[in-house]
Amino acid sequence: MGSLCSKSAHALGGRTLADEPVQGASGNSAPPPGPNPRTAAAEAAERRRQAEQSRGTQSSNPNRGQLAAQLEANKKAPRVPEATQEERLVVRSDISVPGFEG
C-alpha cells in the first residue's frame, strides 16, 4: 500500500518526477553540448581502421605492413573470371558388356 509511514521526498531534500528542474549556476538546466556525434563516430572509425592495419605486425620489422598492403591491393583489383571448359560426355556404342544386351 505504499509508504504511509515514510517521509516525503521533499522533507528529505529529494525531488520527484513532477518537480521543476533545478537550475545550475549559469541558469541553464541543459548539460553543456558535447562533441558532434558524427565527428566522434568518424574519429572512432578511423582509429579502428588504423588499429586493424597495424594488428599482428611488429614495429621492429623493416618490412612491416607490406603483406597487408599487397592483400588490400588484391582485394581492390578487379577479378577476372577463369575460362572454363564444359566437360563433354562421351558415349561409346562399340563397347560390349558381358551379360548385358542392349
N, C-alpha and C. Protein backbone atom coordinates (compact mmCIF):
# COMPACT_ATOMS: atom_id res chain seq x y z
N MET A 1 0.81 -1.19 0.00
CA MET A 1 0.00 0.00 0.00
C MET A 1 0.85 1.25 0.00
N GLY A 2 2.02 1.17 -0.38
CA GLY A 2 2.85 2.36 -0.46
C GLY A 2 3.62 2.60 0.81
N SER A 3 4.08 3.79 0.96
CA SER A 3 4.89 4.13 2.12
C SER A 3 4.16 5.17 2.96
N LEU A 4 3.17 4.74 3.71
CA LEU A 4 2.38 5.65 4.53
C LEU A 4 3.19 6.19 5.70
N CYS A 5 4.14 5.40 6.16
CA CYS A 5 4.90 5.81 7.34
C CYS A 5 6.20 6.52 6.98
N SER A 6 6.55 6.57 5.72
CA SER A 6 7.82 7.18 5.36
C SER A 6 7.67 8.68 5.15
N LYS A 7 8.79 9.36 5.14
CA LYS A 7 8.78 10.80 4.94
C LYS A 7 8.70 11.07 3.44
N SER A 8 8.21 12.22 3.08
CA SER A 8 8.10 12.57 1.67
C SER A 8 9.49 12.91 1.12
N ALA A 9 9.59 12.86 -0.19
CA ALA A 9 10.87 13.17 -0.83
C ALA A 9 11.28 14.60 -0.56
N HIS A 10 10.32 15.52 -0.45
CA HIS A 10 10.66 16.92 -0.21
C HIS A 10 11.23 17.13 1.18
N ALA A 11 10.76 16.37 2.15
CA ALA A 11 11.26 16.51 3.51
C ALA A 11 12.70 16.03 3.61
N LEU A 12 13.08 15.09 2.76
CA LEU A 12 14.44 14.57 2.78
C LEU A 12 15.37 15.34 1.86
N GLY A 13 14.84 16.34 1.16
CA GLY A 13 15.68 17.12 0.26
C GLY A 13 15.76 16.52 -1.13
N GLY A 14 14.91 15.56 -1.44
CA GLY A 14 14.92 14.92 -2.75
C GLY A 14 13.94 15.58 -3.69
N ARG A 15 13.77 14.98 -4.83
CA ARG A 15 12.86 15.51 -5.85
C ARG A 15 11.98 14.39 -6.37
N THR A 16 10.88 14.76 -6.99
CA THR A 16 10.02 13.80 -7.65
C THR A 16 10.03 14.11 -9.14
N LEU A 17 9.44 13.23 -9.93
CA LEU A 17 9.45 13.43 -11.38
C LEU A 17 8.66 14.65 -11.81
N ALA A 18 7.68 15.05 -11.03
CA ALA A 18 6.86 16.19 -11.41
C ALA A 18 7.49 17.53 -11.04
N ASP A 19 8.58 17.51 -10.27
CA ASP A 19 9.24 18.74 -9.87
C ASP A 19 9.87 19.46 -11.05
N GLU A 20 10.02 20.76 -10.93
CA GLU A 20 10.73 21.56 -11.94
C GLU A 20 12.21 21.24 -11.87
N PRO A 21 12.92 21.29 -12.99
CA PRO A 21 14.36 21.01 -12.95
C PRO A 21 15.10 22.08 -12.16
N VAL A 22 16.14 21.65 -11.47
CA VAL A 22 16.98 22.56 -10.70
C VAL A 22 17.91 23.27 -11.65
N GLN A 23 17.94 24.60 -11.56
CA GLN A 23 18.81 25.36 -12.44
C GLN A 23 20.18 25.49 -11.81
N GLY A 24 21.20 25.35 -12.65
CA GLY A 24 22.57 25.44 -12.19
C GLY A 24 22.99 26.88 -11.99
N ALA A 25 24.28 27.08 -11.76
CA ALA A 25 24.80 28.42 -11.51
C ALA A 25 24.63 29.31 -12.73
N SER A 26 24.65 28.73 -13.93
CA SER A 26 24.53 29.55 -15.14
C SER A 26 23.08 29.82 -15.49
N GLY A 27 22.14 29.19 -14.79
CA GLY A 27 20.73 29.39 -15.09
C GLY A 27 20.23 28.48 -16.19
N ASN A 28 21.07 27.64 -16.70
CA ASN A 28 20.71 26.74 -17.79
C ASN A 28 20.68 25.32 -17.25
N SER A 29 19.56 24.61 -17.43
CA SER A 29 19.45 23.26 -16.90
C SER A 29 20.00 22.21 -17.86
N ALA A 30 20.27 22.57 -19.10
CA ALA A 30 20.78 21.61 -20.09
C ALA A 30 22.27 21.40 -19.87
N PRO A 31 22.76 20.17 -20.08
CA PRO A 31 24.20 19.93 -19.95
C PRO A 31 24.94 20.64 -21.08
N PRO A 32 26.21 20.93 -20.86
CA PRO A 32 26.96 21.60 -21.93
C PRO A 32 27.02 20.71 -23.16
N PRO A 33 26.98 21.30 -24.33
CA PRO A 33 27.00 20.49 -25.56
C PRO A 33 28.31 19.73 -25.68
N GLY A 34 28.19 18.46 -26.05
CA GLY A 34 29.37 17.62 -26.22
C GLY A 34 29.86 17.69 -27.66
N PRO A 35 30.79 16.84 -28.00
CA PRO A 35 31.28 16.82 -29.38
C PRO A 35 30.19 16.33 -30.33
N ASN A 36 30.32 16.71 -31.57
CA ASN A 36 29.37 16.29 -32.59
C ASN A 36 29.39 14.76 -32.68
N PRO A 37 28.24 14.09 -32.58
CA PRO A 37 28.24 12.62 -32.63
C PRO A 37 28.77 12.06 -33.94
N ARG A 38 28.54 12.75 -35.03
CA ARG A 38 29.04 12.25 -36.32
C ARG A 38 30.56 12.36 -36.38
N THR A 39 31.10 13.45 -35.85
CA THR A 39 32.55 13.62 -35.83
C THR A 39 33.19 12.58 -34.93
N ALA A 40 32.59 12.35 -33.77
CA ALA A 40 33.12 11.35 -32.84
C ALA A 40 33.08 9.96 -33.46
N ALA A 41 32.01 9.63 -34.19
CA ALA A 41 31.90 8.32 -34.83
C ALA A 41 32.94 8.17 -35.94
N ALA A 42 33.17 9.25 -36.69
CA ALA A 42 34.17 9.19 -37.77
C ALA A 42 35.57 9.01 -37.19
N GLU A 43 35.86 9.70 -36.09
CA GLU A 43 37.18 9.55 -35.47
C GLU A 43 37.37 8.14 -34.91
N ALA A 44 36.32 7.58 -34.32
CA ALA A 44 36.41 6.22 -33.79
C ALA A 44 36.61 5.21 -34.92
N ALA A 45 35.94 5.41 -36.04
CA ALA A 45 36.11 4.50 -37.19
C ALA A 45 37.53 4.59 -37.73
N GLU A 46 38.08 5.77 -37.76
CA GLU A 46 39.46 5.94 -38.24
C GLU A 46 40.44 5.24 -37.30
N ARG A 47 40.23 5.37 -36.00
CA ARG A 47 41.10 4.68 -35.04
C ARG A 47 40.99 3.16 -35.20
N ARG A 48 39.78 2.65 -35.43
CA ARG A 48 39.61 1.20 -35.63
C ARG A 48 40.32 0.75 -36.91
N ARG A 49 40.25 1.56 -37.97
CA ARG A 49 40.90 1.20 -39.23
C ARG A 49 42.41 1.15 -39.05
N GLN A 50 42.96 2.14 -38.35
CA GLN A 50 44.41 2.16 -38.12
C GLN A 50 44.84 1.00 -37.24
N ALA A 51 44.04 0.67 -36.24
CA ALA A 51 44.38 -0.45 -35.37
C ALA A 51 44.33 -1.76 -36.14
N GLU A 52 43.38 -1.89 -37.07
CA GLU A 52 43.27 -3.11 -37.87
C GLU A 52 44.49 -3.26 -38.79
N GLN A 53 44.96 -2.16 -39.33
CA GLN A 53 46.11 -2.24 -40.22
C GLN A 53 47.38 -2.60 -39.47
N SER A 54 47.52 -2.16 -38.24
CA SER A 54 48.75 -2.43 -37.50
C SER A 54 48.67 -3.72 -36.69
N ARG A 55 47.51 -4.37 -36.67
CA ARG A 55 47.35 -5.58 -35.87
C ARG A 55 48.20 -6.71 -36.46
N GLY A 56 48.91 -7.40 -35.58
CA GLY A 56 49.70 -8.56 -35.99
C GLY A 56 51.04 -8.20 -36.60
N THR A 57 51.48 -6.96 -36.49
CA THR A 57 52.78 -6.56 -37.03
C THR A 57 53.69 -6.12 -35.89
N GLN A 58 54.96 -6.27 -36.10
CA GLN A 58 55.96 -5.84 -35.12
C GLN A 58 56.57 -4.53 -35.59
N SER A 59 56.70 -3.58 -34.68
CA SER A 59 57.24 -2.27 -35.06
C SER A 59 58.72 -2.37 -35.43
N SER A 60 59.42 -3.41 -34.98
CA SER A 60 60.83 -3.56 -35.29
C SER A 60 61.07 -4.18 -36.67
N ASN A 61 60.02 -4.67 -37.33
CA ASN A 61 60.15 -5.32 -38.63
C ASN A 61 60.30 -4.25 -39.71
N PRO A 62 61.39 -4.27 -40.51
CA PRO A 62 61.55 -3.25 -41.56
C PRO A 62 60.54 -3.41 -42.70
N ASN A 63 60.00 -4.61 -42.89
CA ASN A 63 59.02 -4.85 -43.96
C ASN A 63 57.59 -4.78 -43.42
N ARG A 64 57.42 -4.10 -42.35
CA ARG A 64 56.12 -4.03 -41.67
C ARG A 64 55.04 -3.49 -42.60
N GLY A 65 53.95 -4.23 -42.72
CA GLY A 65 52.80 -3.77 -43.46
C GLY A 65 52.82 -4.06 -44.96
N GLN A 66 53.90 -4.60 -45.49
CA GLN A 66 53.96 -4.86 -46.93
C GLN A 66 52.97 -5.94 -47.34
N LEU A 67 52.88 -6.99 -46.57
CA LEU A 67 51.97 -8.09 -46.90
C LEU A 67 50.52 -7.62 -46.81
N ALA A 68 50.22 -6.82 -45.80
CA ALA A 68 48.86 -6.29 -45.66
C ALA A 68 48.53 -5.36 -46.82
N ALA A 69 49.51 -4.59 -47.28
CA ALA A 69 49.28 -3.69 -48.42
C ALA A 69 49.02 -4.50 -49.69
N GLN A 70 49.75 -5.60 -49.87
CA GLN A 70 49.51 -6.45 -51.04
C GLN A 70 48.13 -7.07 -50.99
N LEU A 71 47.71 -7.48 -49.80
CA LEU A 71 46.38 -8.05 -49.64
C LEU A 71 45.31 -7.04 -49.99
N GLU A 72 45.45 -5.82 -49.52
CA GLU A 72 44.47 -4.77 -49.84
C GLU A 72 44.45 -4.48 -51.33
N ALA A 73 45.61 -4.47 -51.97
CA ALA A 73 45.67 -4.24 -53.41
C ALA A 73 44.97 -5.36 -54.18
N ASN A 74 45.15 -6.60 -53.71
CA ASN A 74 44.49 -7.73 -54.37
C ASN A 74 42.98 -7.68 -54.17
N LYS A 75 42.55 -7.21 -53.01
CA LYS A 75 41.12 -7.10 -52.75
C LYS A 75 40.48 -6.05 -53.66
N LYS A 76 41.20 -4.98 -53.93
CA LYS A 76 40.64 -3.88 -54.73
C LYS A 76 40.75 -4.13 -56.23
N ALA A 77 41.63 -5.04 -56.64
CA ALA A 77 41.81 -5.32 -58.06
C ALA A 77 40.57 -6.02 -58.61
N PRO A 78 40.20 -5.69 -59.86
CA PRO A 78 39.03 -6.35 -60.44
C PRO A 78 39.33 -7.84 -60.67
N ARG A 79 38.33 -8.63 -60.45
CA ARG A 79 38.50 -10.08 -60.63
C ARG A 79 38.19 -10.46 -62.07
N VAL A 80 39.04 -11.30 -62.61
CA VAL A 80 38.86 -11.79 -63.97
C VAL A 80 38.38 -13.24 -63.86
N PRO A 81 37.22 -13.54 -64.43
CA PRO A 81 36.74 -14.91 -64.33
C PRO A 81 37.63 -15.86 -65.15
N GLU A 82 37.85 -17.02 -64.58
CA GLU A 82 38.68 -18.01 -65.27
C GLU A 82 37.87 -18.65 -66.40
N ALA A 83 38.55 -18.93 -67.49
CA ALA A 83 37.88 -19.59 -68.61
C ALA A 83 37.69 -21.06 -68.25
N THR A 84 36.48 -21.51 -68.35
CA THR A 84 36.19 -22.91 -68.02
C THR A 84 35.68 -23.62 -69.27
N GLN A 85 36.09 -24.84 -69.38
CA GLN A 85 35.60 -25.66 -70.48
C GLN A 85 34.57 -26.63 -69.91
N GLU A 86 33.49 -26.78 -70.63
CA GLU A 86 32.48 -27.72 -70.18
C GLU A 86 32.96 -29.14 -70.43
N GLU A 87 32.67 -29.99 -69.48
CA GLU A 87 33.02 -31.38 -69.65
C GLU A 87 32.06 -32.01 -70.66
N ARG A 88 32.62 -32.77 -71.55
CA ARG A 88 31.79 -33.41 -72.57
C ARG A 88 31.57 -34.86 -72.19
N LEU A 89 30.35 -35.26 -72.32
CA LEU A 89 30.01 -36.65 -72.05
C LEU A 89 30.19 -37.45 -73.33
N VAL A 90 31.04 -38.44 -73.26
CA VAL A 90 31.32 -39.26 -74.43
C VAL A 90 30.65 -40.62 -74.22
N VAL A 91 29.83 -40.99 -75.19
CA VAL A 91 29.13 -42.27 -75.13
C VAL A 91 29.67 -43.12 -76.26
N ARG A 92 30.14 -44.28 -75.89
CA ARG A 92 30.66 -45.19 -76.91
C ARG A 92 29.69 -46.35 -77.05
N SER A 93 29.34 -46.63 -78.28
CA SER A 93 28.40 -47.72 -78.53
C SER A 93 29.11 -49.01 -78.95
N ASP A 94 30.40 -48.95 -79.12
CA ASP A 94 31.11 -50.13 -79.59
C ASP A 94 31.65 -50.98 -78.43
N ILE A 95 31.31 -50.63 -77.20
CA ILE A 95 31.76 -51.40 -76.04
C ILE A 95 30.70 -52.43 -75.71
N SER A 96 31.13 -53.64 -75.51
CA SER A 96 30.18 -54.69 -75.14
C SER A 96 30.42 -55.08 -73.69
N VAL A 97 29.35 -55.20 -72.97
CA VAL A 97 29.40 -55.58 -71.56
C VAL A 97 28.87 -56.99 -71.45
N PRO A 98 29.63 -57.89 -70.90
CA PRO A 98 29.15 -59.28 -70.78
C PRO A 98 27.92 -59.35 -69.86
N GLY A 99 26.93 -60.07 -70.32
CA GLY A 99 25.70 -60.25 -69.58
C GLY A 99 24.69 -59.13 -69.79
N PHE A 100 25.02 -58.17 -70.61
CA PHE A 100 24.10 -57.07 -70.87
C PHE A 100 23.90 -56.95 -72.36
N GLU A 101 22.67 -57.03 -72.77
CA GLU A 101 22.40 -56.82 -74.19
C GLU A 101 21.48 -55.63 -74.29
N GLY A 102 21.91 -54.69 -74.99
CA GLY A 102 21.07 -53.52 -75.07
C GLY A 102 21.20 -52.75 -76.28
